[in-house]
C-alpha atoms as a PDB file:
ATOM      1  CA  MET A   1     -19.554  16.298  48.002  1.00  0.00           C
ATOM      2  CA  ARG A   2     -18.698  19.771  49.548  1.00  0.00           C
ATOM      3  CA  LEU A   3     -17.721  21.472  46.441  1.00  0.00           C
ATOM      4  CA  SER A   4     -21.110  20.296  44.851  1.00  0.00           C
ATOM      5  CA  SER A   5     -22.965  21.618  47.803  1.00  0.00           C
ATOM      6  CA  VAL A   6     -21.137  24.942  47.521  1.00  0.00           C
ATOM      7  CA  ILE A   7     -21.965  25.222  43.846  1.00  0.00           C
ATOM      8  CA  VAL A   8     -25.883  24.258  44.317  1.00  0.00           C
ATOM      9  CA  SER A   9     -25.919  26.916  47.155  1.00  0.00           C
ATOM     10  CA  LEU A  10     -24.260  29.690  45.168  1.00  0.00           C
ATOM     11  CA  ALA A  11     -26.608  28.821  42.040  1.00  0.00           C
ATOM     12  CA  CYS A  12     -29.658  28.993  44.515  1.00  0.00           C
ATOM     13  CA  ALA A  13     -28.313  32.524  45.897  1.00  0.00           C
ATOM     14  CA  PHE A  14     -27.835  33.772  42.380  1.00  0.00           C
ATOM     15  CA  GLY A  15     -31.206  32.530  41.366  1.00  0.00           C
ATOM     16  CA  LEU A  16     -33.091  34.133  44.235  1.00  0.00           C
ATOM     17  CA  ALA A  17     -31.086  37.380  43.921  1.00  0.00           C
ATOM     18  CA  SER A  18     -32.150  37.288  40.022  1.00  0.00           C
ATOM     19  CA  ALA A  19     -35.751  36.590  40.985  1.00  0.00           C
ATOM     20  CA  ALA A  20     -35.554  39.320  43.691  1.00  0.00           C
ATOM     21  CA  SER A  21     -34.382  42.004  41.155  1.00  0.00           C
ATOM     22  CA  ILE A  22     -36.942  41.129  38.420  1.00  0.00           C
ATOM     23  CA  ASN A  23     -39.930  41.527  41.079  1.00  0.00           C
ATOM     24  CA  ASN A  24     -38.236  44.386  42.767  1.00  0.00           C
ATOM     25  CA  PRO A  25     -39.689  48.000  41.502  1.00  0.00           C
ATOM     26  CA  PHE A  26     -36.865  49.772  43.106  1.00  0.00           C
ATOM     27  CA  HIS A  27     -33.864  49.723  40.957  1.00  0.00           C
ATOM     28  CA  PHE A  28     -30.620  51.126  42.731  1.00  0.00           C
ATOM     29  CA  ALA A  29     -27.595  51.799  40.750  1.00  0.00           C
ATOM     30  CA  PRO A  30     -24.556  49.801  41.696  1.00  0.00           C
ATOM     31  CA  ALA A  31     -22.319  51.366  43.928  1.00  0.00           C
ATOM     32  CA  PRO A  32     -19.224  53.134  42.427  1.00  0.00           C
ATOM     33  CA  ALA A  33     -15.982  50.982  42.186  1.00  0.00           C
ATOM     34  CA  THR A  34     -13.148  51.933  44.429  1.00  0.00           C
ATOM     35  CA  VAL A  35      -9.238  51.923  44.349  1.00  0.00           C
ATOM     36  CA  GLU A  36      -7.412  52.704  47.441  1.00  0.00           C
ATOM     37  CA  GLU A  37      -3.964  52.596  48.586  1.00  0.00           C
ATOM     38  CA  CYS A  38      -3.256  49.701  51.272  1.00  0.00           C
ATOM     39  CA  GLY A  39       0.431  50.221  52.053  1.00  0.00           C
ATOM     40  CA  ASP A  40       2.045  51.691  55.251  1.00  0.00           C
ATOM     41  CA  GLY A  41       3.329  55.082  54.002  1.00  0.00           C
ATOM     42  CA  THR A  42       6.759  53.555  53.190  1.00  0.00           C
ATOM     43  CA  ASP A  43       5.756  52.370  49.570  1.00  0.00           C
ATOM     44  CA  LEU A  44       7.859  53.602  46.884  1.00  0.00           C
ATOM     45  CA  LEU A  45       4.934  54.652  44.755  1.00  0.00           C
ATOM     46  CA  LYS A  46       2.916  57.581  46.159  1.00  0.00           C
ATOM     47  CA  VAL A  47      -0.457  57.744  44.259  1.00  0.00           C
ATOM     48  CA  GLU A  48      -1.788  61.247  43.512  1.00  0.00           C
ATOM     49  CA  TYR A  49      -4.953  59.775  41.848  1.00  0.00           C
ATOM     50  CA  ILE A  50      -6.675  56.807  40.346  1.00  0.00           C
ATOM     51  CA  ASN A  51      -9.713  57.322  38.180  1.00  0.00           C
ATOM     52  CA  ILE A  52     -11.788  54.587  36.558  1.00  0.00           C
ATOM     53  CA  ASN A  53     -14.456  55.226  33.766  1.00  0.00           C
ATOM     54  CA  PRO A  54     -17.219  54.398  33.426  1.00  0.00           C
ATOM     55  CA  ASN A  55     -17.814  53.876  37.433  1.00  0.00           C
ATOM     56  CA  PRO A  56     -19.078  51.652  38.268  1.00  0.00           C
ATOM     57  CA  PRO A  57     -17.489  49.450  35.585  1.00  0.00           C
ATOM     58  CA  LEU A  58     -19.888  47.873  33.274  1.00  0.00           C
ATOM     59  CA  LYS A  59     -19.939  44.415  31.893  1.00  0.00           C
ATOM     60  CA  GLY A  60     -19.182  44.289  27.940  1.00  0.00           C
ATOM     61  CA  GLN A  61     -17.645  47.725  28.014  1.00  0.00           C
ATOM     62  CA  VAL A  62     -14.479  49.375  27.851  1.00  0.00           C
ATOM     63  CA  LEU A  63     -12.925  50.607  31.146  1.00  0.00           C
ATOM     64  CA  THR A  64     -10.395  53.209  31.114  1.00  0.00           C
ATOM     65  CA  ILE A  65      -7.941  53.449  33.901  1.00  0.00           C
ATOM     66  CA  ASP A  66      -6.059  56.994  34.427  1.00  0.00           C
ATOM     67  CA  ALA A  67      -3.588  57.336  36.996  1.00  0.00           C
ATOM     68  CA  LYS A  68      -0.807  59.521  38.052  1.00  0.00           C
ATOM     69  CA  GLY A  69       1.675  59.161  40.998  1.00  0.00           C
ATOM     70  CA  PHE A  70       5.562  59.648  41.985  1.00  0.00           C
ATOM     71  CA  LEU A  71       7.962  56.671  42.170  1.00  0.00           C
ATOM     72  CA  ALA A  72      10.688  57.183  44.700  1.00  0.00           C
ATOM     73  CA  GLU A  73      12.895  54.688  43.198  1.00  0.00           C
ATOM     74  CA  ASP A  74      13.412  52.494  40.192  1.00  0.00           C
ATOM     75  CA  VAL A  75      11.259  49.482  39.836  1.00  0.00           C
ATOM     76  CA  VAL A  76      13.793  46.779  38.456  1.00  0.00           C
ATOM     77  CA  GLN A  77      14.139  43.588  36.891  1.00  0.00           C
ATOM     78  CA  GLY A  78      12.932  40.775  39.143  1.00  0.00           C
ATOM     79  CA  ALA A  79       9.999  42.876  40.770  1.00  0.00           C
ATOM     80  CA  ARG A  80       6.791  40.727  41.350  1.00  0.00           C
ATOM     81  CA  ILE A  81       3.118  41.619  41.397  1.00  0.00           C
ATOM     82  CA  ASN A  82       0.983  39.574  43.947  1.00  0.00           C
ATOM     83  CA  LEU A  83      -2.718  39.583  42.826  1.00  0.00           C
ATOM     84  CA  VAL A  84      -5.541  38.211  44.676  1.00  0.00           C
ATOM     85  CA  VAL A  85      -9.028  38.243  43.354  1.00  0.00           C
ATOM     86  CA  LYS A  86     -12.239  37.401  45.410  1.00  0.00           C
ATOM     87  CA  VAL A  87     -15.843  37.408  44.734  1.00  0.00           C
ATOM     88  CA  GLY A  88     -17.508  37.895  48.224  1.00  0.00           C
ATOM     89  CA  LEU A  89     -15.558  35.302  50.546  1.00  0.00           C
ATOM     90  CA  ILE A  90     -14.673  33.155  47.753  1.00  0.00           C
ATOM     91  CA  LYS A  91     -11.169  33.497  46.586  1.00  0.00           C
ATOM     92  CA  LEU A  92     -10.992  33.000  42.767  1.00  0.00           C
ATOM     93  CA  LEU A  93      -7.390  33.793  42.054  1.00  0.00           C
ATOM     94  CA  THR A  94      -3.853  34.097  43.677  1.00  0.00           C
ATOM     95  CA  LYS A  95      -1.095  34.724  41.432  1.00  0.00           C
ATOM     96  CA  GLU A  96       2.349  35.939  41.328  1.00  0.00           C
ATOM     97  CA  LEU A  97       3.469  37.636  38.108  1.00  0.00           C
ATOM     98  CA  ASP A  98       6.634  39.215  36.781  1.00  0.00           C
ATOM     99  CA  PHE A  99       6.468  42.796  36.767  1.00  0.00           C
ATOM    100  CA  CYS A 100       8.655  43.323  33.538  1.00  0.00           C
ATOM    101  CA  GLU A 101       6.662  40.890  31.663  1.00  0.00           C
ATOM    102  CA  GLU A 102       3.174  42.573  32.623  1.00  0.00           C
ATOM    103  CA  SER A 103       4.704  46.102  32.224  1.00  0.00           C
ATOM    104  CA  VAL A 104       5.295  45.761  28.395  1.00  0.00           C
ATOM    105  CA  LYS A 105       1.839  44.615  28.071  1.00  0.00           C
ATOM    106  CA  VAL A 106       0.717  48.127  29.083  1.00  0.00           C
ATOM    107  CA  ASN A 107       3.326  49.985  27.363  1.00  0.00           C
ATOM    108  CA  LYS A 108       5.377  50.694  30.388  1.00  0.00           C
ATOM    109  CA  PRO A 109       9.457  49.957  30.252  1.00  0.00           C
ATOM    110  CA  CYS A 110      11.298  47.967  32.607  1.00  0.00           C
ATOM    111  CA  PRO A 111      13.217  49.009  34.778  1.00  0.00           C
ATOM    112  CA  LEU A 112      10.418  51.650  35.344  1.00  0.00           C
ATOM    113  CA  GLU A 113      12.563  54.686  36.313  1.00  0.00           C
ATOM    114  CA  ALA A 114      12.013  56.897  39.595  1.00  0.00           C
ATOM    115  CA  GLY A 115      10.050  60.147  38.933  1.00  0.00           C
ATOM    116  CA  ASP A 116       6.509  61.308  38.034  1.00  0.00           C
ATOM    117  CA  GLN A 117       4.543  58.338  36.591  1.00  0.00           C
ATOM    118  CA  TYR A 118       1.554  58.483  34.393  1.00  0.00           C
ATOM    119  CA  PHE A 119      -0.733  55.429  33.422  1.00  0.00           C
ATOM    120  CA  TYR A 120      -3.622  55.241  30.994  1.00  0.00           C
ATOM    121  CA  HIS A 121      -5.058  51.818  29.920  1.00  0.00           C
ATOM    122  CA  GLU A 122      -8.226  50.758  28.331  1.00  0.00           C
ATOM    123  CA  VAL A 123      -9.515  47.325  28.840  1.00  0.00           C
ATOM    124  CA  GLU A 124     -12.547  45.556  27.405  1.00  0.00           C
ATOM    125  CA  LEU A 125     -14.536  43.964  30.263  1.00  0.00           C
ATOM    126  CA  PRO A 126     -16.081  40.713  29.308  1.00  0.00           C
ATOM    127  CA  LYS A 127     -19.805  40.479  28.892  1.00  0.00           C
ATOM    128  CA  GLU A 128     -19.715  37.133  30.814  1.00  0.00           C
ATOM    129  CA  ILE A 129     -18.473  38.616  34.233  1.00  0.00           C
ATOM    130  CA  PRO A 130     -20.450  36.624  36.913  1.00  0.00           C
ATOM    131  CA  PRO A 131     -22.393  38.966  39.227  1.00  0.00           C
ATOM    132  CA  GLY A 132     -20.957  39.438  42.657  1.00  0.00           C
ATOM    133  CA  LYS A 133     -18.993  41.820  44.837  1.00  0.00           C
ATOM    134  CA  TYR A 134     -15.160  41.577  43.485  1.00  0.00           C
ATOM    135  CA  PHE A 135     -12.108  42.548  45.474  1.00  0.00           C
ATOM    136  CA  VAL A 136      -8.799  42.776  44.115  1.00  0.00           C
ATOM    137  CA  ASN A 137      -5.537  43.110  46.229  1.00  0.00           C
ATOM    138  CA  ILE A 138      -2.347  44.058  44.199  1.00  0.00           C
ATOM    139  CA  LYS A 139       1.190  44.412  45.840  1.00  0.00           C
ATOM    140  CA  VAL A 140       4.244  45.277  43.772  1.00  0.00           C
ATOM    141  CA  LYS A 141       7.382  44.420  45.424  1.00  0.00           C
ATOM    142  CA  ASN A 142      11.321  44.969  44.342  1.00  0.00           C
ATOM    143  CA  PRO A 143      13.623  42.017  44.489  1.00  0.00           C
ATOM    144  CA  ASP A 144      14.891  43.578  47.809  1.00  0.00           C
ATOM    145  CA  GLU A 145      11.413  43.419  49.166  1.00  0.00           C
ATOM    146  CA  LYS A 146      10.836  47.002  49.187  1.00  0.00           C
ATOM    147  CA  GLN A 147       7.039  47.516  48.615  1.00  0.00           C
ATOM    148  CA  VAL A 148       6.404  49.550  45.367  1.00  0.00           C
ATOM    149  CA  THR A 149       2.536  49.713  45.909  1.00  0.00           C
ATOM    150  CA  CYS A 150      -0.415  48.061  47.571  1.00  0.00           C
ATOM    151  CA  LEU A 151      -3.666  48.654  46.144  1.00  0.00           C
ATOM    152  CA  ASN A 152      -7.186  47.384  47.022  1.00  0.00           C
ATOM    153  CA  ALA A 153      -9.984  47.780  44.529  1.00  0.00           C
ATOM    154  CA  ARG A 154     -13.723  46.961  44.694  1.00  0.00           C
ATOM    155  CA  ALA A 155     -16.411  46.652  42.098  1.00  0.00           C
ATOM    156  CA  ASN A 156     -19.816  45.216  42.282  1.00  0.00           C
ATOM    157  CA  PHE A 157     -21.429  43.335  38.967  1.00  0.00           C
ATOM    158  CA  GLY A 158     -25.178  42.798  38.854  1.00  0.00           C
ATOM    159  CA  ILE A 159     -26.907  40.371  37.120  1.00  0.00           C
END
């Protein structure tokens, strides 16, 4: 019963937002997406920059991620990625991934050796991304629990 109430409430909210945007003569561009470090300064990866293009990201378009940093120690077999995705206050996904399985998907080796790191990746965003304010938290840890990185990303997708 509660789940159906939540779904109906969300549908009404999205419907009202959609109607308001149709009748609103002021069309504001969505805020740019942000990616920020959330570690405590002892992370193994020191990020120099992370650029995304286009910014803000657009549904149905290719998103390019370009980043550079310095890795103080190797990221080794057994490293884990902890991922949390929220839309507003609603948690959509909490997942733990194997770093080595994921790194090969973006043409990175495992283990990932210490030193300068460059990352360039393109991903096609689906057209069907539901509207909302998205928050993504990514934490990567080596098997010895040393944190490799912590990143928070925020993006808004309109109707």
